[in-house]
Amino acid sequence: MSVRPLTTLTYALLGLIQQAPLSGYALMKTFQTTPMRQYSGSPGAVYPALRKLERGGLIRGAVERQGSLRPRRVYHLTSRGREALRRWLSPPVTVEDAALRERELMLRFALMDSLLPPAQVDRFLKTMAASIDDYVESIAPFMDAAGMTSHATLALESGLEGLRGRAAWARRARRRLGNRRRGRKAR
């Protein structure tokens, strides 16, 4: 039997469970009530994904009873799940990532806080900025392409500005995190 690769939703679930053990209901509420709503808060997506993760040994569910509330199944990350999450978080950013996976990159960054060493986080941000710069360089010449309508030119301009802003953010984030680490060492 072949194992299907994990989806961004399943990695989001692993990351949330890594931060704190949660029930399926609490995970759905997180997706429904936070900026993570781009991932499905639907029971038809969350519960099958949790079952897949549990069957794969990446999470472990345990029924908990709290006072008079009905029992709920709370999920905990296993060491295998933590390792799978680390492997997903660790790779440097590629130009293809910069072009096609902006939301996934930001999710990876948000979840790596307590899982990756500072040097890997720094490498992620450094390669993110460089990959975005390379992508911008590859598409910027289209601004002067013959036959571009004014609307198409403005749309491309908007995209380029957004990309440049994301690269600038990655550089600022690197500096802020580096300054924070240096401040801790000085104490």
N, C-alpha and C. Protein backbone atom coordinates (compact mmCIF):
# COMPACT_ATOMS: atom_id res chain seq x y z
N MET A 1 0.84 -1.17 0.00
CA MET A 1 0.00 0.00 0.00
C MET A 1 0.89 1.24 0.00
N SER A 2 0.65 2.16 -0.93
CA SER A 2 1.47 3.37 -0.98
C SER A 2 0.88 4.42 -0.03
N VAL A 3 1.76 5.17 0.59
CA VAL A 3 1.34 6.20 1.51
C VAL A 3 1.26 7.52 0.75
N ARG A 4 0.09 8.14 0.80
CA ARG A 4 -0.06 9.43 0.13
C ARG A 4 0.66 10.51 0.92
N PRO A 5 1.24 11.47 0.21
CA PRO A 5 1.92 12.55 0.93
C PRO A 5 0.91 13.34 1.76
N LEU A 6 1.41 13.96 2.80
CA LEU A 6 0.55 14.78 3.65
C LEU A 6 0.19 16.07 2.93
N THR A 7 -0.96 16.60 3.25
CA THR A 7 -1.42 17.86 2.67
C THR A 7 -1.04 19.02 3.58
N THR A 8 -1.22 20.21 3.07
CA THR A 8 -0.97 21.39 3.90
C THR A 8 -1.89 21.38 5.11
N LEU A 9 -3.14 20.95 4.92
CA LEU A 9 -4.07 20.85 6.05
C LEU A 9 -3.52 19.91 7.11
N THR A 10 -3.02 18.76 6.71
CA THR A 10 -2.52 17.82 7.71
C THR A 10 -1.29 18.37 8.43
N TYR A 11 -0.45 19.10 7.72
CA TYR A 11 0.70 19.73 8.39
C TYR A 11 0.23 20.82 9.35
N ALA A 12 -0.80 21.57 8.95
CA ALA A 12 -1.36 22.58 9.86
C ALA A 12 -1.89 21.91 11.12
N LEU A 13 -2.58 20.78 10.97
CA LEU A 13 -3.07 20.03 12.13
C LEU A 13 -1.92 19.58 13.01
N LEU A 14 -0.88 19.01 12.41
CA LEU A 14 0.28 18.57 13.19
C LEU A 14 0.89 19.74 13.96
N GLY A 15 1.02 20.87 13.30
CA GLY A 15 1.61 22.04 13.94
C GLY A 15 0.79 22.54 15.11
N LEU A 16 -0.52 22.58 14.95
CA LEU A 16 -1.38 23.03 16.04
C LEU A 16 -1.34 22.04 17.21
N ILE A 17 -1.38 20.75 16.89
CA ILE A 17 -1.33 19.73 17.94
C ILE A 17 0.03 19.75 18.64
N GLN A 18 1.08 20.08 17.90
CA GLN A 18 2.41 20.17 18.50
C GLN A 18 2.44 21.28 19.55
N GLN A 19 1.73 22.37 19.29
CA GLN A 19 1.72 23.48 20.22
C GLN A 19 0.97 23.14 21.51
N ALA A 20 -0.10 22.34 21.36
CA ALA A 20 -0.88 21.91 22.53
C ALA A 20 -1.83 20.80 22.09
N PRO A 21 -2.00 19.78 22.91
CA PRO A 21 -2.97 18.73 22.56
C PRO A 21 -4.36 19.34 22.39
N LEU A 22 -5.04 18.95 21.32
CA LEU A 22 -6.35 19.54 21.01
C LEU A 22 -7.33 18.48 20.54
N SER A 23 -8.61 18.77 20.73
CA SER A 23 -9.66 17.90 20.20
C SER A 23 -9.95 18.30 18.75
N GLY A 24 -10.64 17.44 18.05
CA GLY A 24 -11.04 17.76 16.68
C GLY A 24 -11.90 19.01 16.64
N TYR A 25 -12.80 19.14 17.61
CA TYR A 25 -13.66 20.32 17.68
C TYR A 25 -12.83 21.59 17.87
N ALA A 26 -11.85 21.55 18.78
CA ALA A 26 -11.00 22.71 19.01
C ALA A 26 -10.19 23.07 17.76
N LEU A 27 -9.74 22.06 17.04
CA LEU A 27 -9.01 22.31 15.79
C LEU A 27 -9.93 22.97 14.76
N MET A 28 -11.15 22.47 14.62
CA MET A 28 -12.10 23.07 13.68
C MET A 28 -12.36 24.53 14.06
N LYS A 29 -12.54 24.80 15.35
CA LYS A 29 -12.79 26.16 15.81
C LYS A 29 -11.60 27.06 15.51
N THR A 30 -10.39 26.54 15.65
CA THR A 30 -9.20 27.33 15.32
C THR A 30 -9.24 27.73 13.85
N PHE A 31 -9.58 26.79 12.99
CA PHE A 31 -9.64 27.11 11.56
C PHE A 31 -10.79 28.06 11.24
N GLN A 32 -11.86 28.00 11.99
CA GLN A 32 -13.02 28.85 11.71
C GLN A 32 -12.88 30.26 12.27
N THR A 33 -12.09 30.44 13.31
CA THR A 33 -12.10 31.72 14.03
C THR A 33 -10.77 32.46 14.03
N THR A 34 -9.79 31.99 13.30
CA THR A 34 -8.49 32.65 13.26
C THR A 34 -8.10 32.90 11.80
N PRO A 35 -6.98 33.57 11.58
CA PRO A 35 -6.52 33.75 10.20
C PRO A 35 -6.22 32.43 9.48
N MET A 36 -6.29 31.32 10.18
CA MET A 36 -6.05 30.02 9.55
C MET A 36 -7.31 29.51 8.83
N ARG A 37 -8.32 30.36 8.67
CA ARG A 37 -9.57 29.90 8.05
C ARG A 37 -9.40 29.47 6.60
N GLN A 38 -8.28 29.79 5.98
CA GLN A 38 -8.04 29.32 4.61
C GLN A 38 -7.95 27.80 4.55
N TYR A 39 -7.63 27.19 5.69
CA TYR A 39 -7.66 25.74 5.78
C TYR A 39 -9.07 25.39 6.20
N SER A 40 -9.51 24.24 5.93
CA SER A 40 -10.90 23.92 6.15
C SER A 40 -11.24 23.74 7.62
N GLY A 41 -12.29 24.42 8.05
CA GLY A 41 -12.82 24.21 9.38
C GLY A 41 -13.99 23.25 9.34
N SER A 42 -14.14 22.59 8.23
CA SER A 42 -15.26 21.67 8.03
C SER A 42 -14.97 20.32 8.67
N PRO A 43 -15.97 19.75 9.35
CA PRO A 43 -15.77 18.41 9.91
C PRO A 43 -15.45 17.38 8.82
N GLY A 44 -15.97 17.62 7.61
CA GLY A 44 -15.72 16.71 6.50
C GLY A 44 -14.28 16.71 6.01
N ALA A 45 -13.50 17.70 6.43
CA ALA A 45 -12.07 17.74 6.08
C ALA A 45 -11.20 17.43 7.30
N VAL A 46 -11.54 18.00 8.45
CA VAL A 46 -10.69 17.88 9.64
C VAL A 46 -10.69 16.46 10.18
N TYR A 47 -11.85 15.87 10.39
CA TYR A 47 -11.88 14.54 11.01
C TYR A 47 -11.25 13.45 10.14
N PRO A 48 -11.49 13.42 8.83
CA PRO A 48 -10.77 12.42 8.02
C PRO A 48 -9.25 12.64 8.05
N ALA A 49 -8.83 13.91 8.08
CA ALA A 49 -7.39 14.19 8.15
C ALA A 49 -6.81 13.71 9.48
N LEU A 50 -7.55 13.90 10.56
CA LEU A 50 -7.09 13.41 11.87
C LEU A 50 -7.01 11.89 11.88
N ARG A 51 -8.00 11.22 11.30
CA ARG A 51 -7.95 9.75 11.24
C ARG A 51 -6.75 9.28 10.44
N LYS A 52 -6.47 9.95 9.33
CA LYS A 52 -5.31 9.59 8.50
C LYS A 52 -4.01 9.77 9.29
N LEU A 53 -3.90 10.86 10.02
CA LEU A 53 -2.70 11.11 10.82
C LEU A 53 -2.57 10.08 11.94
N GLU A 54 -3.69 9.70 12.54
CA GLU A 54 -3.64 8.71 13.61
C GLU A 54 -3.29 7.33 13.06
N ARG A 55 -3.88 6.96 11.93
CA ARG A 55 -3.53 5.66 11.31
C ARG A 55 -2.07 5.61 10.92
N GLY A 56 -1.51 6.75 10.54
CA GLY A 56 -0.10 6.81 10.16
C GLY A 56 0.84 6.89 11.34
N GLY A 57 0.30 6.94 12.54
CA GLY A 57 1.14 6.99 13.74
C GLY A 57 1.75 8.35 14.01
N LEU A 58 1.20 9.41 13.39
CA LEU A 58 1.76 10.75 13.58
C LEU A 58 1.12 11.48 14.75
N ILE A 59 -0.10 11.08 15.09
CA ILE A 59 -0.77 11.61 16.28
C ILE A 59 -1.40 10.44 17.02
N ARG A 60 -1.72 10.68 18.27
CA ARG A 60 -2.39 9.66 19.07
C ARG A 60 -3.56 10.34 19.75
N GLY A 61 -4.74 9.75 19.60
CA GLY A 61 -5.92 10.30 20.24
C GLY A 61 -6.24 9.56 21.51
N ALA A 62 -6.71 10.28 22.50
CA ALA A 62 -7.11 9.68 23.77
C ALA A 62 -8.40 10.35 24.22
N VAL A 63 -9.35 9.54 24.68
CA VAL A 63 -10.61 10.07 25.16
C VAL A 63 -10.40 10.64 26.55
N GLU A 64 -10.83 11.89 26.71
CA GLU A 64 -10.71 12.56 28.00
C GLU A 64 -12.09 12.99 28.47
N ARG A 65 -12.31 12.89 29.75
CA ARG A 65 -13.56 13.35 30.36
C ARG A 65 -13.22 14.55 31.24
N GLN A 66 -13.96 15.63 31.03
CA GLN A 66 -13.72 16.82 31.83
C GLN A 66 -15.01 17.19 32.55
N GLY A 67 -15.07 16.94 33.83
CA GLY A 67 -16.25 17.28 34.62
C GLY A 67 -17.49 16.62 34.07
N SER A 68 -18.54 17.42 33.91
CA SER A 68 -19.80 16.88 33.41
C SER A 68 -19.90 16.94 31.89
N LEU A 69 -18.88 17.47 31.25
CA LEU A 69 -18.91 17.54 29.79
C LEU A 69 -18.80 16.14 29.20
N ARG A 70 -19.34 15.99 28.02
CA ARG A 70 -19.23 14.68 27.38
C ARG A 70 -17.78 14.42 27.00
N PRO A 71 -17.41 13.18 26.91
CA PRO A 71 -16.02 12.83 26.59
C PRO A 71 -15.62 13.41 25.23
N ARG A 72 -14.36 13.76 25.12
CA ARG A 72 -13.83 14.24 23.83
C ARG A 72 -12.51 13.56 23.56
N ARG A 73 -12.22 13.41 22.30
CA ARG A 73 -10.97 12.79 21.87
C ARG A 73 -9.94 13.90 21.68
N VAL A 74 -8.86 13.83 22.43
CA VAL A 74 -7.81 14.84 22.37
C VAL A 74 -6.60 14.20 21.70
N TYR A 75 -6.03 14.94 20.77
CA TYR A 75 -4.91 14.42 19.98
C TYR A 75 -3.59 14.97 20.48
N HIS A 76 -2.61 14.09 20.53
CA HIS A 76 -1.24 14.42 20.94
C HIS A 76 -0.30 14.04 19.80
N LEU A 77 0.74 14.83 19.61
CA LEU A 77 1.73 14.54 18.58
C LEU A 77 2.64 13.41 19.06
N THR A 78 2.92 12.47 18.20
CA THR A 78 3.88 11.41 18.52
C THR A 78 5.27 11.86 18.07
N SER A 79 6.28 11.13 18.48
CA SER A 79 7.64 11.47 18.03
C SER A 79 7.74 11.35 16.51
N ARG A 80 7.04 10.39 15.95
CA ARG A 80 7.01 10.24 14.48
C ARG A 80 6.35 11.46 13.82
N GLY A 81 5.29 11.96 14.43
CA GLY A 81 4.62 13.15 13.92
C GLY A 81 5.49 14.38 14.02
N ARG A 82 6.20 14.51 15.15
CA ARG A 82 7.11 15.64 15.34
C ARG A 82 8.21 15.61 14.28
N GLU A 83 8.72 14.43 13.99
CA GLU A 83 9.78 14.31 12.98
C GLU A 83 9.25 14.64 11.59
N ALA A 84 8.04 14.18 11.27
CA ALA A 84 7.43 14.50 9.97
C ALA A 84 7.24 16.01 9.83
N LEU A 85 6.81 16.65 10.89
CA LEU A 85 6.62 18.09 10.87
C LEU A 85 7.96 18.80 10.69
N ARG A 86 8.97 18.36 11.41
CA ARG A 86 10.32 18.95 11.25
C ARG A 86 10.83 18.83 9.82
N ARG A 87 10.64 17.65 9.24
CA ARG A 87 11.10 17.45 7.85
C ARG A 87 10.39 18.41 6.89
N TRP A 88 9.12 18.67 7.12
CA TRP A 88 8.36 19.58 6.25
C TRP A 88 8.80 21.02 6.45
N LEU A 89 9.13 21.37 7.68
CA LEU A 89 9.52 22.74 8.00
C LEU A 89 10.94 23.08 7.55
N SER A 90 11.82 22.10 7.48
CA SER A 90 13.26 22.32 7.35
C SER A 90 13.80 22.76 5.99
N PRO A 91 13.24 22.34 4.86
CA PRO A 91 13.91 22.67 3.60
C PRO A 91 14.02 24.16 3.33
N PRO A 92 15.10 24.57 2.67
CA PRO A 92 15.20 25.97 2.26
C PRO A 92 14.11 26.28 1.23
N VAL A 93 13.84 27.54 1.05
CA VAL A 93 12.82 27.99 0.11
C VAL A 93 13.39 28.03 -1.30
N THR A 94 12.63 27.54 -2.25
CA THR A 94 13.03 27.56 -3.66
C THR A 94 12.27 28.65 -4.41
N VAL A 95 12.71 28.95 -5.61
CA VAL A 95 12.00 29.92 -6.45
C VAL A 95 10.58 29.41 -6.74
N GLU A 96 10.44 28.11 -6.95
CA GLU A 96 9.11 27.54 -7.18
C GLU A 96 8.21 27.75 -5.97
N ASP A 97 8.76 27.58 -4.77
CA ASP A 97 8.00 27.86 -3.55
C ASP A 97 7.54 29.32 -3.54
N ALA A 98 8.47 30.22 -3.84
CA ALA A 98 8.16 31.65 -3.83
C ALA A 98 7.07 31.99 -4.83
N ALA A 99 7.08 31.30 -5.96
CA ALA A 99 6.09 31.57 -7.01
C ALA A 99 4.73 30.96 -6.72
N LEU A 100 4.71 29.79 -6.10
CA LEU A 100 3.46 29.02 -6.03
C LEU A 100 2.94 28.73 -4.63
N ARG A 101 3.75 28.93 -3.61
CA ARG A 101 3.33 28.44 -2.28
C ARG A 101 3.50 29.47 -1.16
N GLU A 102 3.09 30.68 -1.39
CA GLU A 102 3.26 31.74 -0.40
C GLU A 102 2.56 31.40 0.92
N ARG A 103 1.31 30.95 0.86
CA ARG A 103 0.58 30.62 2.10
C ARG A 103 1.27 29.49 2.86
N GLU A 104 1.73 28.49 2.12
CA GLU A 104 2.41 27.36 2.76
C GLU A 104 3.71 27.82 3.42
N LEU A 105 4.43 28.72 2.77
CA LEU A 105 5.67 29.24 3.35
C LEU A 105 5.38 29.96 4.67
N MET A 106 4.32 30.75 4.70
CA MET A 106 4.01 31.48 5.92
C MET A 106 3.53 30.52 7.02
N LEU A 107 2.82 29.47 6.65
CA LEU A 107 2.43 28.46 7.63
C LEU A 107 3.68 27.77 8.18
N ARG A 108 4.58 27.39 7.30
CA ARG A 108 5.82 26.76 7.75
C ARG A 108 6.54 27.66 8.74
N PHE A 109 6.69 28.94 8.40
CA PHE A 109 7.38 29.87 9.28
C PHE A 109 6.67 29.96 10.63
N ALA A 110 5.35 30.08 10.61
CA ALA A 110 4.58 30.22 11.86
C ALA A 110 4.74 29.02 12.77
N LEU A 111 4.91 27.83 12.20
CA LEU A 111 4.97 26.61 13.00
C LEU A 111 6.38 26.22 13.43
N MET A 112 7.41 26.86 12.90
CA MET A 112 8.77 26.39 13.19
C MET A 112 9.35 26.94 14.48
N ASP A 113 8.66 27.84 15.12
CA ASP A 113 9.17 28.54 16.30
C ASP A 113 9.85 27.63 17.32
N SER A 114 9.19 26.61 17.78
CA SER A 114 9.78 25.78 18.83
C SER A 114 10.37 24.47 18.32
N LEU A 115 10.31 24.25 17.02
CA LEU A 115 10.76 22.97 16.47
C LEU A 115 12.12 23.01 15.80
N LEU A 116 12.48 24.16 15.24
CA LEU A 116 13.75 24.23 14.50
C LEU A 116 14.74 25.12 15.23
N PRO A 117 16.02 24.79 15.14
CA PRO A 117 17.03 25.65 15.76
C PRO A 117 17.11 26.99 15.02
N PRO A 118 17.57 28.03 15.70
CA PRO A 118 17.64 29.36 15.10
C PRO A 118 18.38 29.39 13.76
N ALA A 119 19.41 28.60 13.59
CA ALA A 119 20.16 28.62 12.33
C ALA A 119 19.28 28.16 11.16
N GLN A 120 18.41 27.19 11.40
CA GLN A 120 17.53 26.72 10.32
C GLN A 120 16.45 27.75 10.01
N VAL A 121 15.95 28.43 11.03
CA VAL A 121 14.96 29.48 10.82
C VAL A 121 15.61 30.60 10.01
N ASP A 122 16.83 30.96 10.36
CA ASP A 122 17.56 31.99 9.63
C ASP A 122 17.75 31.59 8.17
N ARG A 123 18.12 30.33 7.95
CA ARG A 123 18.32 29.85 6.57
C ARG A 123 17.01 29.92 5.79
N PHE A 124 15.91 29.56 6.43
CA PHE A 124 14.59 29.62 5.78
C PHE A 124 14.32 31.06 5.32
N LEU A 125 14.48 32.03 6.22
CA LEU A 125 14.19 33.42 5.87
C LEU A 125 15.16 33.96 4.81
N LYS A 126 16.42 33.57 4.93
CA LYS A 126 17.42 34.02 3.95
C LYS A 126 17.09 33.47 2.55
N THR A 127 16.78 32.18 2.48
CA THR A 127 16.47 31.60 1.17
C THR A 127 15.11 32.08 0.66
N MET A 128 14.22 32.42 1.58
CA MET A 128 12.93 32.98 1.16
C MET A 128 13.15 34.31 0.45
N ALA A 129 13.89 35.20 1.07
CA ALA A 129 14.15 36.51 0.46
C ALA A 129 14.87 36.36 -0.88
N ALA A 130 15.88 35.52 -0.92
CA ALA A 130 16.65 35.34 -2.16
C ALA A 130 15.80 34.71 -3.26
N SER A 131 14.98 33.74 -2.91
CA SER A 131 14.14 33.07 -3.92
C SER A 131 13.07 34.02 -4.46
N ILE A 132 12.52 34.85 -3.58
CA ILE A 132 11.55 35.84 -4.05
C ILE A 132 12.24 36.82 -4.98
N ASP A 133 13.44 37.29 -4.60
CA ASP A 133 14.18 38.20 -5.47
C ASP A 133 14.42 37.58 -6.84
N ASP A 134 14.80 36.31 -6.87
CA ASP A 134 15.04 35.63 -8.15
C ASP A 134 13.75 35.53 -8.96
N TYR A 135 12.65 35.24 -8.30
CA TYR A 135 11.37 35.14 -9.00
C TYR A 135 10.97 36.50 -9.57
N VAL A 136 11.12 37.55 -8.76
CA VAL A 136 10.80 38.91 -9.23
C VAL A 136 11.64 39.24 -10.46
N GLU A 137 12.92 38.92 -10.39
CA GLU A 137 13.82 39.20 -11.52
C GLU A 137 13.37 38.45 -12.78
N SER A 138 12.82 37.27 -12.62
CA SER A 138 12.40 36.48 -13.79
C SER A 138 11.10 36.99 -14.41
N ILE A 139 10.25 37.65 -13.62
CA ILE A 139 8.98 38.10 -14.20
C ILE A 139 8.91 39.61 -14.44
N ALA A 140 9.82 40.38 -13.85
CA ALA A 140 9.81 41.83 -14.03
C ALA A 140 9.90 42.26 -15.49
N PRO A 141 10.66 41.56 -16.35
CA PRO A 141 10.73 41.99 -17.75
C PRO A 141 9.36 41.99 -18.46
N PHE A 142 8.40 41.26 -17.95
CA PHE A 142 7.08 41.25 -18.58
C PHE A 142 6.38 42.59 -18.45
N MET A 143 6.84 43.45 -17.55
CA MET A 143 6.25 44.79 -17.42
C MET A 143 6.38 45.57 -18.72
N ASP A 144 7.43 45.29 -19.49
CA ASP A 144 7.67 46.01 -20.73
C ASP A 144 7.27 45.21 -21.96
N ALA A 145 6.57 44.10 -21.76
CA ALA A 145 6.22 43.24 -22.88
C ALA A 145 5.21 43.93 -23.80
N ALA A 146 5.42 43.74 -25.08
CA ALA A 146 4.50 44.29 -26.07
C ALA A 146 3.14 43.60 -25.91
N GLY A 147 2.11 44.36 -26.11
CA GLY A 147 0.77 43.79 -26.08
C GLY A 147 0.15 43.72 -24.70
N MET A 148 0.85 44.14 -23.66
CA MET A 148 0.26 44.13 -22.31
C MET A 148 -0.75 45.26 -22.22
N THR A 149 -1.95 44.94 -21.80
CA THR A 149 -2.95 45.98 -21.59
C THR A 149 -2.60 46.76 -20.33
N SER A 150 -3.21 47.91 -20.17
CA SER A 150 -2.91 48.71 -18.98
C SER A 150 -3.35 47.96 -17.72
N HIS A 151 -4.45 47.24 -17.79
CA HIS A 151 -4.91 46.48 -16.62
C HIS A 151 -3.95 45.33 -16.30
N ALA A 152 -3.49 44.65 -17.32
CA ALA A 152 -2.54 43.56 -17.09
C ALA A 152 -1.24 44.09 -16.50
N THR A 153 -0.79 45.24 -17.00
CA THR A 153 0.43 45.85 -16.48
C THR A 153 0.25 46.23 -15.01
N LEU A 154 -0.90 46.81 -14.68
CA LEU A 154 -1.16 47.19 -13.29
C LEU A 154 -1.28 45.96 -12.39
N ALA A 155 -1.88 44.90 -12.89
CA ALA A 155 -2.00 43.67 -12.11
C ALA A 155 -0.61 43.08 -11.84
N LEU A 156 0.24 43.06 -12.86
CA LEU A 156 1.60 42.56 -12.68
C LEU A 156 2.37 43.45 -11.72
N GLU A 157 2.19 44.76 -11.84
CA GLU A 157 2.84 45.70 -10.93
C GLU A 157 2.43 45.41 -9.48
N SER A 158 1.16 45.15 -9.26
CA SER A 158 0.68 44.80 -7.91
C SER A 158 1.35 43.54 -7.40
N GLY A 159 1.43 42.54 -8.26
CA GLY A 159 2.08 41.29 -7.86
C GLY A 159 3.55 41.49 -7.52
N LEU A 160 4.24 42.27 -8.33
CA LEU A 160 5.66 42.54 -8.07
C LEU A 160 5.86 43.31 -6.76
N GLU A 161 4.99 44.28 -6.52
CA GLU A 161 5.09 45.03 -5.26
C GLU A 161 4.86 44.12 -4.06
N GLY A 162 3.89 43.23 -4.17
CA GLY A 162 3.62 42.29 -3.08
C GLY A 162 4.80 41.38 -2.83
N LEU A 163 5.39 40.87 -3.90
CA LEU A 163 6.56 40.00 -3.76
C LEU A 163 7.74 40.74 -3.14
N ARG A 164 8.00 41.94 -3.61
CA ARG A 164 9.10 42.73 -3.04
C ARG A 164 8.86 43.01 -1.56
N GLY A 165 7.61 43.27 -1.21
CA GLY A 165 7.26 43.49 0.19
C GLY A 165 7.50 42.24 1.03
N ARG A 166 7.19 41.07 0.49
CA ARG A 166 7.40 39.81 1.22
C ARG A 166 8.91 39.56 1.40
N ALA A 167 9.72 39.86 0.39
CA ALA A 167 11.17 39.69 0.51
C ALA A 167 11.72 40.65 1.57
N ALA A 168 11.24 41.89 1.57
CA ALA A 168 11.68 42.87 2.57
C ALA A 168 11.28 42.40 3.98
N TRP A 169 10.06 41.85 4.09
CA TRP A 169 9.62 41.32 5.38
C TRP A 169 10.56 40.21 5.86
N ALA A 170 10.94 39.29 4.97
CA ALA A 170 11.82 38.18 5.35
C ALA A 170 13.15 38.71 5.86
N ARG A 171 13.67 39.75 5.24
CA ARG A 171 14.93 40.33 5.70
C ARG A 171 14.77 40.98 7.08
N ARG A 172 13.66 41.71 7.27
CA ARG A 172 13.40 42.32 8.59
C ARG A 172 13.24 41.25 9.66
N ALA A 173 12.50 40.19 9.33
CA ALA A 173 12.28 39.11 10.30
C ALA A 173 13.62 38.48 10.70
N ARG A 174 14.50 38.28 9.73
CA ARG A 174 15.84 37.73 10.03
C ARG A 174 16.58 38.63 11.01
N ARG A 175 16.55 39.93 10.74
CA ARG A 175 17.25 40.87 11.63
C ARG A 175 16.65 40.86 13.03
N ARG A 176 15.31 40.89 13.10
CA ARG A 176 14.67 40.92 14.42
C ARG A 176 14.96 39.65 15.22
N LEU A 177 14.88 38.51 14.57
CA LEU A 177 15.17 37.26 15.27
C LEU A 177 16.65 37.18 15.65
N GLY A 178 17.52 37.64 14.76
CA GLY A 178 18.96 37.65 15.07
C GLY A 178 19.26 38.56 16.23
N ASN A 179 18.63 39.74 16.27
CA ASN A 179 18.83 40.68 17.38
C ASN A 179 18.33 40.08 18.69
N ARG A 180 17.20 39.39 18.63
CA ARG A 180 16.64 38.77 19.84
C ARG A 180 17.59 37.70 20.37
N ARG A 181 18.17 36.90 19.47
CA ARG A 181 19.11 35.85 19.90
C ARG A 181 20.36 36.48 20.50
N ARG A 182 20.86 37.52 19.87
CA ARG A 182 22.07 38.19 20.38
C ARG A 182 21.78 38.80 21.74
N GLY A 183 20.59 39.34 21.94
CA GLY A 183 20.20 39.92 23.23
C GLY A 183 20.16 38.88 24.32
N ARG A 184 19.69 37.68 24.02
CA ARG A 184 19.65 36.60 25.01
C ARG A 184 21.05 36.15 25.39
N LYS A 185 21.97 36.11 24.41
CA LYS A 185 23.34 35.67 24.69
C LYS A 185 24.07 36.67 25.58
N ALA A 186 23.72 37.96 25.44
CA ALA A 186 24.41 39.00 26.19
C ALA A 186 24.02 38.99 27.67
N ARG A 187 22.89 38.40 27.99
CA ARG A 187 22.42 38.38 29.40
C ARG A 187 23.19 37.44 30.24
